Amino acid sequence: MSGHDNHHGDIAGPPLDAAQASAMTAGLREAMDDVRRSVAVLAARVRDAHAARVWLPLGFASWQAYCAAEFGISRAQAYRLLDIARALGTINAAVTTAELSRVLFRQAATLEWL
């Protein structure tokens, strides 16, 4: 048994049956999906705020000062969110390009049969 099975002295409850474990897993999966969506929205809003240089009209001297005062996060944390936004944008562009390629391929294949 690893040290992670009984994390921080948590007392294990009674064993779950398969249906209960599946239901709990579904709930965890839903919560993870919610977190992923929230991070994507947050990252996009941070990206938009940075691009708009919102700290200037609000009277902050820098992006760092703005992030610290408004959100209590460091410059490094804010830049990590910008990195996430860029990565998600790249992934979205790649998926969109792949989907477009598949559509065009299907259309071309259909035209060949005409």
PDB file of N, CA and C in Angstrom:
ATOM      1  N   MET A   1       0.843  -1.177   0.000  1.00  0.00           N
ATOM      2  CA  MET A   1       0.000   0.000   0.000  1.00  0.00           C
ATOM      3  C   MET A   1       0.885   1.236   0.000  1.00  0.00           C
ATOM      4  N   SER A   2       0.609   2.208  -0.895  1.00  0.00           N
ATOM      5  CA  SER A   2       1.435   3.417  -0.950  1.00  0.00           C
ATOM      6  C   SER A   2       0.990   4.408   0.107  1.00  0.00           C
ATOM      7  N   GLY A   3       1.821   5.386   0.340  1.00  0.00           N
ATOM      8  CA  GLY A   3       1.505   6.424   1.302  1.00  0.00           C
ATOM      9  C   GLY A   3       0.358   7.310   0.860  1.00  0.00           C
ATOM     10  N   HIS A   4       0.008   7.241  -0.426  1.00  0.00           N
ATOM     11  CA  HIS A   4      -1.065   8.089  -0.941  1.00  0.00           C
ATOM     12  C   HIS A   4      -2.442   7.480  -0.717  1.00  0.00           C
ATOM     13  N   ASP A   5      -2.514   6.209  -0.359  1.00  0.00           N
ATOM     14  CA  ASP A   5      -3.804   5.570  -0.158  1.00  0.00           C
ATOM     15  C   ASP A   5      -4.508   6.099   1.092  1.00  0.00           C
ATOM     16  N   ASN A   6      -3.779   6.512   2.073  1.00  0.00           N
ATOM     17  CA  ASN A   6      -4.345   7.032   3.309  1.00  0.00           C
ATOM     18  C   ASN A   6      -3.750   8.408   3.556  1.00  0.00           C
ATOM     19  N   HIS A   7      -4.045   9.332   2.690  1.00  0.00           N
ATOM     20  CA  HIS A   7      -3.442  10.655   2.657  1.00  0.00           C
ATOM     21  C   HIS A   7      -3.770  11.461   3.913  1.00  0.00           C
ATOM     22  N   HIS A   8      -2.761  11.970   4.554  1.00  0.00           N
ATOM     23  CA  HIS A   8      -2.873  12.850   5.719  1.00  0.00           C
ATOM     24  C   HIS A   8      -3.749  12.266   6.822  1.00  0.00           C
ATOM     25  N   GLY A   9      -3.728  10.953   6.990  1.00  0.00           N
ATOM     26  CA  GLY A   9      -4.452  10.343   8.095  1.00  0.00           C
ATOM     27  C   GLY A   9      -5.944  10.267   7.893  1.00  0.00           C
ATOM     28  N   ASP A  10      -6.438  10.470   6.649  1.00  0.00           N
ATOM     29  CA  ASP A  10      -7.874  10.340   6.392  1.00  0.00           C
ATOM     30  C   ASP A  10      -8.305   8.924   6.750  1.00  0.00           C
ATOM     31  N   ILE A  11      -9.449   8.810   7.367  1.00  0.00           N
ATOM     32  CA  ILE A  11      -9.970   7.500   7.735  1.00  0.00           C
ATOM     33  C   ILE A  11     -10.832   7.003   6.584  1.00  0.00           C
ATOM     34  N   ALA A  12     -10.509   5.831   6.076  1.00  0.00           N
ATOM     35  CA  ALA A  12     -11.256   5.254   4.966  1.00  0.00           C
ATOM     36  C   ALA A  12     -12.643   4.836   5.430  1.00  0.00           C
ATOM     37  N   GLY A  13     -13.628   5.082   4.566  1.00  0.00           N
ATOM     38  CA  GLY A  13     -14.989   4.650   4.859  1.00  0.00           C
ATOM     39  C   GLY A  13     -15.173   3.205   4.456  1.00  0.00           C
ATOM     40  N   PRO A  14     -16.390   2.739   4.537  1.00  0.00           N
ATOM     41  CA  PRO A  14     -16.653   1.356   4.142  1.00  0.00           C
ATOM     42  C   PRO A  14     -16.393   1.177   2.649  1.00  0.00           C
ATOM     43  N   PRO A  15     -16.026  -0.012   2.229  1.00  0.00           N
ATOM     44  CA  PRO A  15     -15.755  -0.249   0.811  1.00  0.00           C
ATOM     45  C   PRO A  15     -16.986   0.046  -0.040  1.00  0.00           C
ATOM     46  N   LEU A  16     -16.737   0.559  -1.229  1.00  0.00           N
ATOM     47  CA  LEU A  16     -17.828   0.850  -2.156  1.00  0.00           C
ATOM     48  C   LEU A  16     -18.046  -0.345  -3.067  1.00  0.00           C
ATOM     49  N   ASP A  17     -19.288  -0.484  -3.530  1.00  0.00           N
ATOM     50  CA  ASP A  17     -19.501  -1.502  -4.565  1.00  0.00           C
ATOM     51  C   ASP A  17     -19.188  -0.852  -5.911  1.00  0.00           C
ATOM     52  N   ALA A  18     -19.229  -1.627  -6.982  1.00  0.00           N
ATOM     53  CA  ALA A  18     -18.842  -1.134  -8.307  1.00  0.00           C
ATOM     54  C   ALA A  18     -19.732   0.031  -8.761  1.00  0.00           C
ATOM     55  N   ALA A  19     -21.016  -0.047  -8.497  1.00  0.00           N
ATOM     56  CA  ALA A  19     -21.930   1.024  -8.918  1.00  0.00           C
ATOM     57  C   ALA A  19     -21.614   2.326  -8.183  1.00  0.00           C
ATOM     58  N   GLN A  20     -21.347   2.237  -6.890  1.00  0.00           N
ATOM     59  CA  GLN A  20     -21.005   3.425  -6.111  1.00  0.00           C
ATOM     60  C   GLN A  20     -19.673   4.010  -6.576  1.00  0.00           C
ATOM     61  N   ALA A  21     -18.702   3.147  -6.828  1.00  0.00           N
ATOM     62  CA  ALA A  21     -17.394   3.607  -7.295  1.00  0.00           C
ATOM     63  C   ALA A  21     -17.514   4.257  -8.667  1.00  0.00           C
ATOM     64  N   SER A  22     -18.333   3.687  -9.542  1.00  0.00           N
ATOM     65  CA  SER A  22     -18.551   4.281 -10.872  1.00  0.00           C
ATOM     66  C   SER A  22     -19.224   5.642 -10.757  1.00  0.00           C
ATOM     67  N   ALA A  23     -20.212   5.757  -9.878  1.00  0.00           N
ATOM     68  CA  ALA A  23     -20.903   7.028  -9.685  1.00  0.00           C
ATOM     69  C   ALA A  23     -19.939   8.083  -9.133  1.00  0.00           C
ATOM     70  N   MET A  24     -19.095   7.684  -8.185  1.00  0.00           N
ATOM     71  CA  MET A  24     -18.130   8.613  -7.620  1.00  0.00           C
ATOM     72  C   MET A  24     -17.128   9.048  -8.691  1.00  0.00           C
ATOM     73  N   THR A  25     -16.690   8.103  -9.508  1.00  0.00           N
ATOM     74  CA  THR A  25     -15.749   8.406 -10.583  1.00  0.00           C
ATOM     75  C   THR A  25     -16.377   9.352 -11.595  1.00  0.00           C
ATOM     76  N   ALA A  26     -17.638   9.149 -11.922  1.00  0.00           N
ATOM     77  CA  ALA A  26     -18.342  10.046 -12.845  1.00  0.00           C
ATOM     78  C   ALA A  26     -18.401  11.463 -12.273  1.00  0.00           C
ATOM     79  N   GLY A  27     -18.650  11.567 -10.972  1.00  0.00           N
ATOM     80  CA  GLY A  27     -18.661  12.874 -10.324  1.00  0.00           C
ATOM     81  C   GLY A  27     -17.303  13.551 -10.365  1.00  0.00           C
ATOM     82  N   LEU A  28     -16.255  12.774 -10.140  1.00  0.00           N
ATOM     83  CA  LEU A  28     -14.896  13.312 -10.225  1.00  0.00           C
ATOM     84  C   LEU A  28     -14.578  13.769 -11.648  1.00  0.00           C
ATOM     85  N   ARG A  29     -14.963  12.952 -12.628  1.00  0.00           N
ATOM     86  CA  ARG A  29     -14.717  13.295 -14.028  1.00  0.00           C
ATOM     87  C   ARG A  29     -15.433  14.606 -14.384  1.00  0.00           C
ATOM     88  N   GLU A  30     -16.664  14.749 -13.929  1.00  0.00           N
ATOM     89  CA  GLU A  30     -17.429  15.975 -14.186  1.00  0.00           C
ATOM     90  C   GLU A  30     -16.750  17.187 -13.542  1.00  0.00           C
ATOM     91  N   ALA A  31     -16.282  17.019 -12.317  1.00  0.00           N
ATOM     92  CA  ALA A  31     -15.594  18.119 -11.629  1.00  0.00           C
ATOM     93  C   ALA A  31     -14.298  18.489 -12.352  1.00  0.00           C
ATOM     94  N   MET A  32     -13.560  17.478 -12.831  1.00  0.00           N
ATOM     95  CA  MET A  32     -12.325  17.745 -13.583  1.00  0.00           C
ATOM     96  C   MET A  32     -12.639  18.517 -14.864  1.00  0.00           C
ATOM     97  N   ASP A  33     -13.702  18.111 -15.559  1.00  0.00           N
ATOM     98  CA  ASP A  33     -14.099  18.819 -16.777  1.00  0.00           C
ATOM     99  C   ASP A  33     -14.473  20.265 -16.471  1.00  0.00           C
ATOM    100  N   ASP A  34     -15.159  20.480 -15.345  1.00  0.00           N
ATOM    101  CA  ASP A  34     -15.516  21.841 -14.933  1.00  0.00           C
ATOM    102  C   ASP A  34     -14.261  22.680 -14.694  1.00  0.00           C
ATOM    103  N   VAL A  35     -13.275  22.097 -14.029  1.00  0.00           N
ATOM    104  CA  VAL A  35     -12.022  22.806 -13.759  1.00  0.00           C
ATOM    105  C   VAL A  35     -11.314  23.141 -15.071  1.00  0.00           C
ATOM    106  N   ARG A  36     -11.255  22.185 -15.985  1.00  0.00           N
ATOM    107  CA  ARG A  36     -10.606  22.437 -17.277  1.00  0.00           C
ATOM    108  C   ARG A  36     -11.281  23.588 -18.017  1.00  0.00           C
ATOM    109  N   ARG A  37     -12.613  23.567 -18.038  1.00  0.00           N
ATOM    110  CA  ARG A  37     -13.341  24.659 -18.709  1.00  0.00           C
ATOM    111  C   ARG A  37     -13.074  25.992 -18.022  1.00  0.00           C
ATOM    112  N   SER A  38     -13.080  25.995 -16.699  1.00  0.00           N
ATOM    113  CA  SER A  38     -12.842  27.233 -15.949  1.00  0.00           C
ATOM    114  C   SER A  38     -11.439  27.779 -16.207  1.00  0.00           C
ATOM    115  N   VAL A  39     -10.459  26.896 -16.231  1.00  0.00           N
ATOM    116  CA  VAL A  39      -9.084  27.336 -16.503  1.00  0.00           C
ATOM    117  C   VAL A  39      -8.983  27.904 -17.912  1.00  0.00           C
ATOM    118  N   ALA A  40      -9.647  27.277 -18.880  1.00  0.00           N
ATOM    119  CA  ALA A  40      -9.622  27.777 -20.253  1.00  0.00           C
ATOM    120  C   ALA A  40     -10.242  29.169 -20.336  1.00  0.00           C
ATOM    121  N   VAL A  41     -11.360  29.386 -19.656  1.00  0.00           N
ATOM    122  CA  VAL A  41     -12.008  30.698 -19.645  1.00  0.00           C
ATOM    123  C   VAL A  41     -11.113  31.716 -18.951  1.00  0.00           C
ATOM    124  N   LEU A  42     -10.566  31.346 -17.797  1.00  0.00           N
ATOM    125  CA  LEU A  42      -9.668  32.241 -17.069  1.00  0.00           C
ATOM    126  C   LEU A  42      -8.462  32.619 -17.912  1.00  0.00           C
ATOM    127  N   ALA A  43      -7.838  31.629 -18.534  1.00  0.00           N
ATOM    128  CA  ALA A  43      -6.645  31.886 -19.345  1.00  0.00           C
ATOM    129  C   ALA A  43      -6.976  32.822 -20.506  1.00  0.00           C
ATOM    130  N   ALA A  44      -8.106  32.607 -21.158  1.00  0.00           N
ATOM    131  CA  ALA A  44      -8.499  33.469 -22.277  1.00  0.00           C
ATOM    132  C   ALA A  44      -8.747  34.899 -21.798  1.00  0.00           C
ATOM    133  N   ARG A  45      -9.365  35.054 -20.652  1.00  0.00           N
ATOM    134  CA  ARG A  45      -9.628  36.402 -20.128  1.00  0.00           C
ATOM    135  C   ARG A  45      -8.339  37.094 -19.705  1.00  0.00           C
ATOM    136  N   VAL A  46      -7.418  36.332 -19.138  1.00  0.00           N
ATOM    137  CA  VAL A  46      -6.112  36.905 -18.777  1.00  0.00           C
ATOM    138  C   VAL A  46      -5.387  37.345 -20.047  1.00  0.00           C
ATOM    139  N   ARG A  47      -5.419  36.488 -21.079  1.00  0.00           N
ATOM    140  CA  ARG A  47      -4.789  36.824 -22.365  1.00  0.00           C
ATOM    141  C   ARG A  47      -5.382  38.110 -22.933  1.00  0.00           C
ATOM    142  N   ASP A  48      -6.712  38.218 -22.904  1.00  0.00           N
ATOM    143  CA  ASP A  48      -7.380  39.403 -23.441  1.00  0.00           C
ATOM    144  C   ASP A  48      -7.041  40.655 -22.631  1.00  0.00           C
ATOM    145  N   ALA A  49      -6.984  40.510 -21.304  1.00  0.00           N
ATOM    146  CA  ALA A  49      -6.635  41.645 -20.444  1.00  0.00           C
ATOM    147  C   ALA A  49      -5.207  42.094 -20.697  1.00  0.00           C
ATOM    148  N   HIS A  50      -4.308  41.136 -20.866  1.00  0.00           N
ATOM    149  CA  HIS A  50      -2.912  41.479 -21.117  1.00  0.00           C
ATOM    150  C   HIS A  50      -2.777  42.171 -22.469  1.00  0.00           C
ATOM    151  N   ALA A  51      -3.443  41.627 -23.490  1.00  0.00           N
ATOM    152  CA  ALA A  51      -3.373  42.212 -24.830  1.00  0.00           C
ATOM    153  C   ALA A  51      -3.943  43.637 -24.841  1.00  0.00           C
ATOM    154  N   ALA A  52      -4.963  43.872 -24.029  1.00  0.00           N
ATOM    155  CA  ALA A  52      -5.585  45.197 -23.959  1.00  0.00           C
ATOM    156  C   ALA A  52      -4.836  46.155 -23.029  1.00  0.00           C
ATOM    157  N   ARG A  53      -3.836  45.640 -22.345  1.00  0.00           N
ATOM    158  CA  ARG A  53      -3.045  46.441 -21.399  1.00  0.00           C
ATOM    159  C   ARG A  53      -3.952  47.159 -20.396  1.00  0.00           C
ATOM    160  N   VAL A  54      -4.853  46.385 -19.799  1.00  0.00           N
ATOM    161  CA  VAL A  54      -5.870  46.954 -18.912  1.00  0.00           C
ATOM    162  C   VAL A  54      -5.290  47.654 -17.695  1.00  0.00           C
ATOM    163  N   TRP A  55      -4.063  47.346 -17.336  1.00  0.00           N
ATOM    164  CA  TRP A  55      -3.483  47.963 -16.144  1.00  0.00           C
ATOM    165  C   TRP A  55      -3.240  49.457 -16.323  1.00  0.00           C
ATOM    166  N   LEU A  56      -3.017  49.882 -17.560  1.00  0.00           N
ATOM    167  CA  LEU A  56      -2.708  51.298 -17.788  1.00  0.00           C
ATOM    168  C   LEU A  56      -3.886  52.225 -17.478  1.00  0.00           C
ATOM    169  N   PRO A  57      -5.080  52.012 -18.063  1.00  0.00           N
ATOM    170  CA  PRO A  57      -6.184  52.916 -17.727  1.00  0.00           C
ATOM    171  C   PRO A  57      -6.636  52.803 -16.277  1.00  0.00           C
ATOM    172  N   LEU A  58      -6.285  51.690 -15.626  1.00  0.00           N
ATOM    173  CA  LEU A  58      -6.656  51.524 -14.219  1.00  0.00           C
ATOM    174  C   LEU A  58      -5.622  52.121 -13.269  1.00  0.00           C
ATOM    175  N   GLY A  59      -4.557  52.674 -13.838  1.00  0.00           N
ATOM    176  CA  GLY A  59      -3.575  53.386 -13.040  1.00  0.00           C
ATOM    177  C   GLY A  59      -2.453  52.547 -12.464  1.00  0.00           C
ATOM    178  N   PHE A  60      -2.301  51.322 -12.928  1.00  0.00           N
ATOM    179  CA  PHE A  60      -1.197  50.490 -12.443  1.00  0.00           C
ATOM    180  C   PHE A  60       0.029  50.724 -13.309  1.00  0.00           C
ATOM    181  N   ALA A  61       1.173  50.675 -12.680  1.00  0.00           N
ATOM    182  CA  ALA A  61       2.427  50.927 -13.393  1.00  0.00           C
ATOM    183  C   ALA A  61       2.850  49.761 -14.274  1.00  0.00           C
ATOM    184  N   SER A  62       2.357  48.547 -13.947  1.00  0.00           N
ATOM    185  CA  SER A  62       2.809  47.371 -14.691  1.00  0.00           C
ATOM    186  C   SER A  62       1.767  46.261 -14.609  1.00  0.00           C
ATOM    187  N   TRP A  63       1.956  45.277 -15.476  1.00  0.00           N
ATOM    188  CA  TRP A  63       1.149  44.057 -15.448  1.00  0.00           C
ATOM    189  C   TRP A  63       1.303  43.363 -14.101  1.00  0.00           C
ATOM    190  N   GLN A  64       2.542  43.327 -13.604  1.00  0.00           N
ATOM    191  CA  GLN A  64       2.827  42.693 -12.315  1.00  0.00           C
ATOM    192  C   GLN A  64       2.061  43.374 -11.187  1.00  0.00           C
ATOM    193  N   ALA A  65       2.086  44.691 -11.147  1.00  0.00           N
ATOM    194  CA  ALA A  65       1.383  45.429 -10.096  1.00  0.00           C
ATOM    195  C   ALA A  65      -0.126  45.194 -10.176  1.00  0.00           C
ATOM    196  N   TYR A  66      -0.651  45.178 -11.385  1.00  0.00           N
ATOM    197  CA  TYR A  66      -2.073  44.938 -11.614  1.00  0.00           C
ATOM    198  C   TYR A  66      -2.479  43.551 -11.098  1.00  0.00           C
ATOM    199  N   CYS A  67      -1.734  42.530 -11.489  1.00  0.00           N
ATOM    200  CA  CYS A  67      -2.059  41.154 -11.086  1.00  0.00           C
ATOM    201  C   CYS A  67      -1.977  40.979  -9.573  1.00  0.00           C
ATOM    202  N   ALA A  68      -0.975  41.578  -8.969  1.00  0.00           N
ATOM    203  CA  ALA A  68      -0.811  41.456  -7.519  1.00  0.00           C
ATOM    204  C   ALA A  68      -1.953  42.151  -6.781  1.00  0.00           C
ATOM    205  N   ALA A  69      -2.291  43.379  -7.212  1.00  0.00           N
ATOM    206  CA  ALA A  69      -3.314  44.157  -6.508  1.00  0.00           C
ATOM    207  C   ALA A  69      -4.727  43.627  -6.757  1.00  0.00           C
ATOM    208  N   GLU A  70      -5.020  43.273  -7.984  1.00  0.00           N
ATOM    209  CA  GLU A  70      -6.384  42.880  -8.332  1.00  0.00           C
ATOM    210  C   GLU A  70      -6.707  41.428  -8.010  1.00  0.00           C
ATOM    211  N   PHE A  71      -5.722  40.539  -8.119  1.00  0.00           N
ATOM    212  CA  PHE A  71      -6.011  39.117  -8.003  1.00  0.00           C
ATOM    213  C   PHE A  71      -5.151  38.385  -6.985  1.00  0.00           C
ATOM    214  N   GLY A  72      -4.163  39.073  -6.447  1.00  0.00           N
ATOM    215  CA  GLY A  72      -3.298  38.433  -5.457  1.00  0.00           C
ATOM    216  C   GLY A  72      -2.420  37.344  -6.043  1.00  0.00           C
ATOM    217  N   ILE A  73      -2.083  37.477  -7.333  1.00  0.00           N
ATOM    218  CA  ILE A  73      -1.203  36.493  -7.960  1.00  0.00           C
ATOM    219  C   ILE A  73       0.078  37.171  -8.420  1.00  0.00           C
ATOM    220  N   SER A  74       1.094  36.370  -8.516  1.00  0.00           N
ATOM    221  CA  SER A  74       2.385  36.902  -8.948  1.00  0.00           C
ATOM    222  C   SER A  74       2.412  37.070 -10.460  1.00  0.00           C
ATOM    223  N   ARG A  75       3.400  37.787 -10.913  1.00  0.00           N
ATOM    224  CA  ARG A  75       3.618  37.963 -12.348  1.00  0.00           C
ATOM    225  C   ARG A  75       3.822  36.603 -13.003  1.00  0.00           C
ATOM    226  N   ALA A  76       4.577  35.724 -12.344  1.00  0.00           N
ATOM    227  CA  ALA A  76       4.845  34.388 -12.887  1.00  0.00           C
ATOM    228  C   ALA A  76       3.549  33.593 -13.053  1.00  0.00           C
ATOM    229  N   GLN A  77       2.660  33.674 -12.072  1.00  0.00           N
ATOM    230  CA  GLN A  77       1.380  32.962 -12.179  1.00  0.00           C
ATOM    231  C   GLN A  77       0.547  33.518 -13.333  1.00  0.00           C
ATOM    232  N   ALA A  78       0.535  34.835 -13.491  1.00  0.00           N
ATOM    233  CA  ALA A  78      -0.214  35.445 -14.582  1.00  0.00           C
ATOM    234  C   ALA A  78       0.358  35.025 -15.930  1.00  0.00           C
ATOM    235  N   TYR A  79       1.677  34.961 -16.026  1.00  0.00           N
ATOM    236  CA  TYR A  79       2.293  34.535 -17.279  1.00  0.00           C
ATOM    237  C   TYR A  79       2.057  33.048 -17.550  1.00  0.00           C
ATOM    238  N   ARG A  80       1.927  32.237 -16.501  1.00  0.00           N
ATOM    239  CA  ARG A  80       1.568  30.832 -16.711  1.00  0.00           C
ATOM    240  C   ARG A  80       0.185  30.730 -17.338  1.00  0.00           C
ATOM    241  N   LEU A  81      -0.739  31.585 -16.878  1.00  0.00           N
ATOM    242  CA  LEU A  81      -2.072  31.607 -17.478  1.00  0.00           C
ATOM    243  C   LEU A  81      -2.011  32.050 -18.939  1.00  0.00           C
ATOM    244  N   LEU A  82      -1.136  33.011 -19.234  1.00  0.00           N
ATOM    245  CA  LEU A  82      -0.956  33.419 -20.635  1.00  0.00           C
ATOM    246  C   LEU A  82      -0.416  32.256 -21.464  1.00  0.00           C
ATOM    247  N   ASP A  83       0.515  31.502 -20.897  1.00  0.00           N
ATOM    248  CA  ASP A  83       1.052  30.331 -21.596  1.00  0.00           C
ATOM    249  C   ASP A  83      -0.042  29.299 -21.862  1.00  0.00           C
ATOM    250  N   ILE A  84      -0.912  29.088 -20.879  1.00  0.00           N
ATOM    251  CA  ILE A  84      -2.030  28.157 -21.056  1.00  0.00           C
ATOM    252  C   ILE A  84      -2.939  28.642 -22.175  1.00  0.00           C
ATOM    253  N   ALA A  85      -3.238  29.936 -22.193  1.00  0.00           N
ATOM    254  CA  ALA A  85      -4.102  30.491 -23.242  1.00  0.00           C
ATOM    255  C   ALA A  85      -3.477  30.283 -24.619  1.00  0.00           C
ATOM    256  N   ARG A  86      -2.177  30.512 -24.729  1.00  0.00           N
ATOM    257  CA  ARG A  86      -1.493  30.298 -26.015  1.00  0.00           C
ATOM    258  C   ARG A  86      -1.546  28.826 -26.419  1.00  0.00           C
ATOM    259  N   ALA A  87      -1.296  27.942 -25.476  1.00  0.00           N
ATOM    260  CA  ALA A  87      -1.319  26.507 -25.776  1.00  0.00           C
ATOM    261  C   ALA A  87      -2.719  26.072 -26.210  1.00  0.00           C
ATOM    262  N   LEU A  88      -3.738  26.541 -25.504  1.00  0.00           N
ATOM    263  CA  LEU A  88      -5.105  26.193 -25.879  1.00  0.00           C
ATOM    264  C   LEU A  88      -5.452  26.750 -27.256  1.00  0.00           C
ATOM    265  N   GLY A  89      -4.970  27.952 -27.561  1.00  0.00           N
ATOM    266  CA  GLY A  89      -5.185  28.527 -28.889  1.00  0.00           C
ATOM    267  C   GLY A  89      -4.526  27.701 -29.971  1.00  0.00           C
ATOM    268  N   THR A  90      -3.325  27.225 -29.702  1.00  0.00           N
ATOM    269  CA  THR A  90      -2.604  26.382 -30.661  1.00  0.00           C
ATOM    270  C   THR A  90      -3.332  25.060 -30.868  1.00  0.00           C
ATOM    271  N   ILE A  91      -3.784  24.464 -29.777  1.00  0.00           N
ATOM    272  CA  ILE A  91      -4.525  23.207 -29.876  1.00  0.00           C
ATOM    273  C   ILE A  91      -5.818  23.418 -30.647  1.00  0.00           C
ATOM    274  N   ASN A  92      -6.534  24.480 -30.342  1.00  0.00           N
ATOM    275  CA  ASN A  92      -7.790  24.769 -31.033  1.00  0.00           C
ATOM    276  C   ASN A  92      -7.551  24.959 -32.528  1.00  0.00           C
ATOM    277  N   ALA A  93      -6.493  25.687 -32.881  1.00  0.00           N
ATOM    278  CA  ALA A  93      -6.177  25.909 -34.298  1.00  0.00           C
ATOM    279  C   ALA A  93      -5.836  24.589 -34.980  1.00  0.00           C
ATOM    280  N   ALA A  94      -5.092  23.730 -34.303  1.00  0.00           N
ATOM    281  CA  ALA A  94      -4.723  22.438 -34.889  1.00  0.00           C
ATOM    282  C   ALA A  94      -5.953  21.557 -35.087  1.00  0.00           C
ATOM    283  N   VAL A  95      -6.840  21.541 -34.106  1.00  0.00           N
ATOM    284  CA  VAL A  95      -8.059  20.736 -34.214  1.00  0.00           C
ATOM    285  C   VAL A  95      -8.942  21.283 -35.325  1.00  0.00           C
ATOM    286  N   THR A  96      -9.085  22.600 -35.385  1.00  0.00           N
ATOM    287  CA  THR A  96      -9.900  23.222 -36.426  1.00  0.00           C
ATOM    288  C   THR A  96      -9.330  22.919 -37.803  1.00  0.00           C
ATOM    289  N   THR A  97      -8.022  22.997 -37.951  1.00  0.00           N
ATOM    290  CA  THR A  97      -7.373  22.696 -39.229  1.00  0.00           C
ATOM    291  C   THR A  97      -7.585  21.235 -39.609  1.00  0.00           C
ATOM    292  N   ALA A  98      -7.445  20.347 -38.635  1.00  0.00           N
ATOM    293  CA  ALA A  98      -7.648  18.918 -38.896  1.00  0.00           C
ATOM    294  C   ALA A  98      -9.088  18.649 -39.309  1.00  0.00           C
ATOM    295  N   GLU A  99     -10.046  19.277 -38.635  1.00  0.00           N
ATOM    296  CA  GLU A  99     -11.454  19.092 -38.986  1.00  0.00           C
ATOM    297  C   GLU A  99     -11.725  19.623 -40.389  1.00  0.00           C
ATOM    298  N   LEU A 100     -11.175  20.795 -40.714  1.00  0.00           N
ATOM    299  CA  LEU A 100     -11.353  21.368 -42.039  1.00  0.00           C
ATOM    300  C   LEU A 100     -10.750  20.453 -43.095  1.00  0.00           C
ATOM    301  N   SER A 101      -9.579  19.893 -42.826  1.00  0.00           N
ATOM    302  CA  SER A 101      -8.934  18.973 -43.762  1.00  0.00           C
ATOM    303  C   SER A 101      -9.806  17.751 -44.019  1.00  0.00           C
ATOM    304  N   ARG A 102     -10.408  17.201 -42.952  1.00  0.00           N
ATOM    305  CA  ARG A 102     -11.284  16.040 -43.111  1.00  0.00           C
ATOM    306  C   ARG A 102     -12.497  16.383 -43.962  1.00  0.00           C
ATOM    307  N   VAL A 103     -13.095  17.552 -43.730  1.00  0.00           N
ATOM    308  CA  VAL A 103     -14.264  17.982 -44.503  1.00  0.00           C
ATOM    309  C   VAL A 103     -13.885  18.145 -45.966  1.00  0.00           C
ATOM    310  N   LEU A 104     -12.778  18.817 -46.217  1.00  0.00           N
ATOM    311  CA  LEU A 104     -12.343  19.028 -47.603  1.00  0.00           C
ATOM    312  C   LEU A 104     -12.020  17.706 -48.285  1.00  0.00           C
ATOM    313  N   PHE A 105     -11.414  16.781 -47.543  1.00  0.00           N
ATOM    314  CA  PHE A 105     -11.090  15.467 -48.102  1.00  0.00           C
ATOM    315  C   PHE A 105     -12.376  14.726 -48.481  1.00  0.00           C
ATOM    316  N   ARG A 106     -13.369  14.765 -47.587  1.00  0.00           N
ATOM    317  CA  ARG A 106     -14.647  14.095 -47.871  1.00  0.00           C
ATOM    318  C   ARG A 106     -15.324  14.724 -49.078  1.00  0.00           C
ATOM    319  N   GLN A 107     -15.285  16.071 -49.161  1.00  0.00           N
ATOM    320  CA  GLN A 107     -15.890  16.750 -50.308  1.00  0.00           C
ATOM    321  C   GLN A 107     -15.173  16.363 -51.602  1.00  0.00           C
ATOM    322  N   ALA A 108     -13.859  16.314 -51.578  1.00  0.00           N
ATOM    323  CA  ALA A 108     -13.095  15.934 -52.764  1.00  0.00           C
ATOM    324  C   ALA A 108     -13.393  14.495 -53.161  1.00  0.00           C
ATOM    325  N   ALA A 109     -13.496  13.612 -52.189  1.00  0.00           N
ATOM    326  CA  ALA A 109     -13.805  12.212 -52.480  1.00  0.00           C
ATOM    327  C   ALA A 109     -15.197  12.094 -53.079  1.00  0.00           C
ATOM    328  N   THR A 110     -16.129  12.869 -52.587  1.00  0.00           N
ATOM    329  CA  THR A 110     -17.493  12.858 -53.110  1.00  0.00           C
ATOM    330  C   THR A 110     -17.512  13.347 -54.556  1.00  0.00           C
ATOM    331  N   LEU A 111     -16.764  14.377 -54.855  1.00  0.00           N
ATOM    332  CA  LEU A 111     -16.711  14.930 -56.214  1.00  0.00           C
ATOM    333  C   LEU A 111     -16.116  13.938 -57.194  1.00  0.00           C
ATOM    334  N   GLU A 112     -15.171  13.116 -56.727  1.00  0.00           N
ATOM    335  CA  GLU A 112     -14.552  12.122 -57.605  1.00  0.00           C
ATOM    336  C   GLU A 112     -15.590  11.080 -58.055  1.00  0.00           C
ATOM    337  N   TRP A 113     -16.581  10.814 -57.228  1.00  0.00           N
ATOM    338  CA  TRP A 113     -17.585   9.812 -57.554  1.00  0.00           C
ATOM    339  C   TRP A 113     -18.664  10.371 -58.482  1.00  0.00           C
ATOM    340  N   LEU A 114     -18.714  11.665 -58.655  1.00  0.00           N
ATOM    341  CA  LEU A 114     -19.761  12.256 -59.505  1.00  0.00           C
ATOM    342  C   LEU A 114     -19.447  12.133 -60.963  1.00  0.00           C
TER     343      LEU A 114
END
